[in-house]
Amino acid sequence: MGSMYTGPRDEEPDDRDAALLRDERERDERSARRDRLSWTIVIWVMAGALGLLSYDSGGAAIDAHREGRPWLYPAGVSTIALVGLLCLVGLAVWRRRRDRVSHRGPG
């Protein structure tokens, strides 16, 4: 029966090991790029939807106020959508700054 020791090898890594490590690193980099792109798309789609909701609700609140109808609900929806939009823009800026500054050192 063979031994189950899984610690460092006694022999030096060969070209096959280096190629496997390089392939794994490239796969991780592609995955990280895809994740960043996906999050960017999600953030911009959500920001657009919240911007449209805020604009539409704000217009409905103004129209209702002019006509003497209750306007507090559309104004509240507009305010909440605007706060959500600002939070998303802040998240996008934070992610961009975090991605730009790398503390991993040379790779």
Protein backbone atom coordinates (compact mmCIF):
# COMPACT_ATOMS: atom_id res chain seq x y z
CA MET A 1 0.00 0.00 0.00
CA GLY A 2 1.37 3.45 -0.92
CA SER A 3 1.94 6.22 1.55
CA MET A 4 -0.61 9.01 1.95
CA TYR A 5 1.89 11.82 2.54
CA THR A 6 0.77 14.90 0.62
CA GLY A 7 3.38 17.40 1.74
CA PRO A 8 5.98 19.10 -0.46
CA ARG A 9 7.71 16.87 -2.96
CA ASP A 10 11.35 16.06 -2.73
CA GLU A 11 11.91 16.57 -6.46
CA GLU A 12 11.78 19.87 -8.29
CA PRO A 13 8.58 20.77 -10.18
CA ASP A 14 8.81 19.87 -13.84
CA ASP A 15 7.52 21.67 -16.94
CA ARG A 16 4.17 19.87 -16.71
CA ASP A 17 3.60 21.20 -13.18
CA ALA A 18 4.50 24.74 -14.27
CA ALA A 19 2.09 24.47 -17.22
CA LEU A 20 -0.71 23.25 -14.95
CA LEU A 21 -0.12 26.13 -12.53
CA ARG A 22 -0.05 28.63 -15.40
CA ASP A 23 -3.30 27.20 -16.83
CA GLU A 24 -4.97 27.44 -13.43
CA ARG A 25 -3.81 31.04 -12.96
CA GLU A 26 -5.10 32.00 -16.43
CA ARG A 27 -8.45 30.31 -15.69
CA ASP A 28 -8.72 32.26 -12.43
CA GLU A 29 -7.93 35.53 -14.23
CA ARG A 30 -10.58 34.86 -16.90
CA SER A 31 -13.11 34.03 -14.21
CA ALA A 32 -12.29 37.23 -12.31
CA ARG A 33 -12.68 39.29 -15.52
CA ARG A 34 -16.06 37.67 -16.24
CA ASP A 35 -17.20 38.35 -12.68
CA ARG A 36 -16.19 42.02 -12.91
CA LEU A 37 -17.97 42.41 -16.24
CA SER A 38 -21.11 40.70 -14.91
CA TRP A 39 -21.23 42.94 -11.84
CA THR A 40 -20.69 46.02 -14.00
CA ILE A 41 -23.61 45.06 -16.23
CA VAL A 42 -25.87 44.29 -13.25
CA ILE A 43 -25.02 47.58 -11.54
CA TRP A 44 -25.66 49.67 -14.68
CA VAL A 45 -28.95 47.90 -15.51
CA MET A 46 -30.17 48.36 -11.93
CA ALA A 47 -29.04 52.00 -11.92
CA GLY A 48 -30.93 52.60 -15.16
CA ALA A 49 -34.08 50.96 -13.79
CA LEU A 50 -33.90 52.94 -10.55
CA GLY A 51 -33.25 56.16 -12.47
CA LEU A 52 -36.29 55.53 -14.66
CA LEU A 53 -38.44 54.68 -11.62
CA SER A 54 -37.29 57.83 -9.83
CA TYR A 55 -37.98 59.99 -12.89
CA ASP A 56 -41.41 58.46 -13.50
CA SER A 57 -42.49 58.62 -9.84
CA GLY A 58 -41.22 62.18 -9.51
CA GLY A 59 -43.25 63.22 -12.55
CA ALA A 60 -46.33 61.45 -11.17
CA ALA A 61 -45.88 63.22 -7.81
CA ILE A 62 -45.59 66.63 -9.49
CA ASP A 63 -48.68 65.97 -11.65
CA ALA A 64 -50.69 64.75 -8.65
CA HIS A 65 -49.66 67.78 -6.58
CA ARG A 66 -50.70 70.18 -9.36
CA GLU A 67 -54.08 68.49 -9.68
CA GLY A 68 -54.70 68.43 -5.92
CA ARG A 69 -54.53 64.64 -5.64
CA PRO A 70 -52.50 62.75 -3.01
CA TRP A 71 -48.87 63.00 -4.05
CA LEU A 72 -46.94 61.68 -1.04
CA TYR A 73 -46.78 58.05 -2.22
CA PRO A 74 -45.21 58.77 -5.65
CA ALA A 75 -42.83 61.24 -4.01
CA GLY A 76 -41.81 58.56 -1.48
CA VAL A 77 -41.22 56.00 -4.22
CA SER A 78 -39.19 58.55 -6.14
CA THR A 79 -37.08 59.35 -3.08
CA ILE A 80 -36.43 55.69 -2.26
CA ALA A 81 -35.50 54.97 -5.89
CA LEU A 82 -33.16 57.95 -5.90
CA VAL A 83 -31.47 56.77 -2.69
CA GLY A 84 -31.06 53.30 -4.23
CA LEU A 85 -29.60 54.84 -7.36
CA LEU A 86 -27.09 56.85 -5.33
CA CYS A 87 -26.12 53.71 -3.39
CA LEU A 88 -25.52 51.84 -6.64
CA VAL A 89 -23.40 54.64 -8.05
CA GLY A 90 -21.41 54.66 -4.81
CA LEU A 91 -20.96 50.88 -5.06
CA ALA A 92 -19.77 51.20 -8.65
CA VAL A 93 -17.24 53.87 -7.71
CA TRP A 94 -16.05 51.86 -4.70
CA ARG A 95 -15.61 48.69 -6.80
CA ARG A 96 -13.73 50.61 -9.49
CA ARG A 97 -11.34 52.14 -6.96
CA ARG A 98 -10.86 48.79 -5.22
CA ASP A 99 -10.13 46.99 -8.51
CA ARG A 100 -7.68 49.69 -9.57
CA VAL A 101 -5.61 49.42 -6.38
CA SER A 102 -4.10 45.96 -6.01
CA HIS A 103 -2.29 44.84 -2.90
CA ARG A 104 -1.37 41.46 -4.29
CA GLY A 105 2.05 42.52 -5.48
CA PRO A 106 3.76 41.10 -8.56
CA GLY A 107 2.02 38.07 -9.95
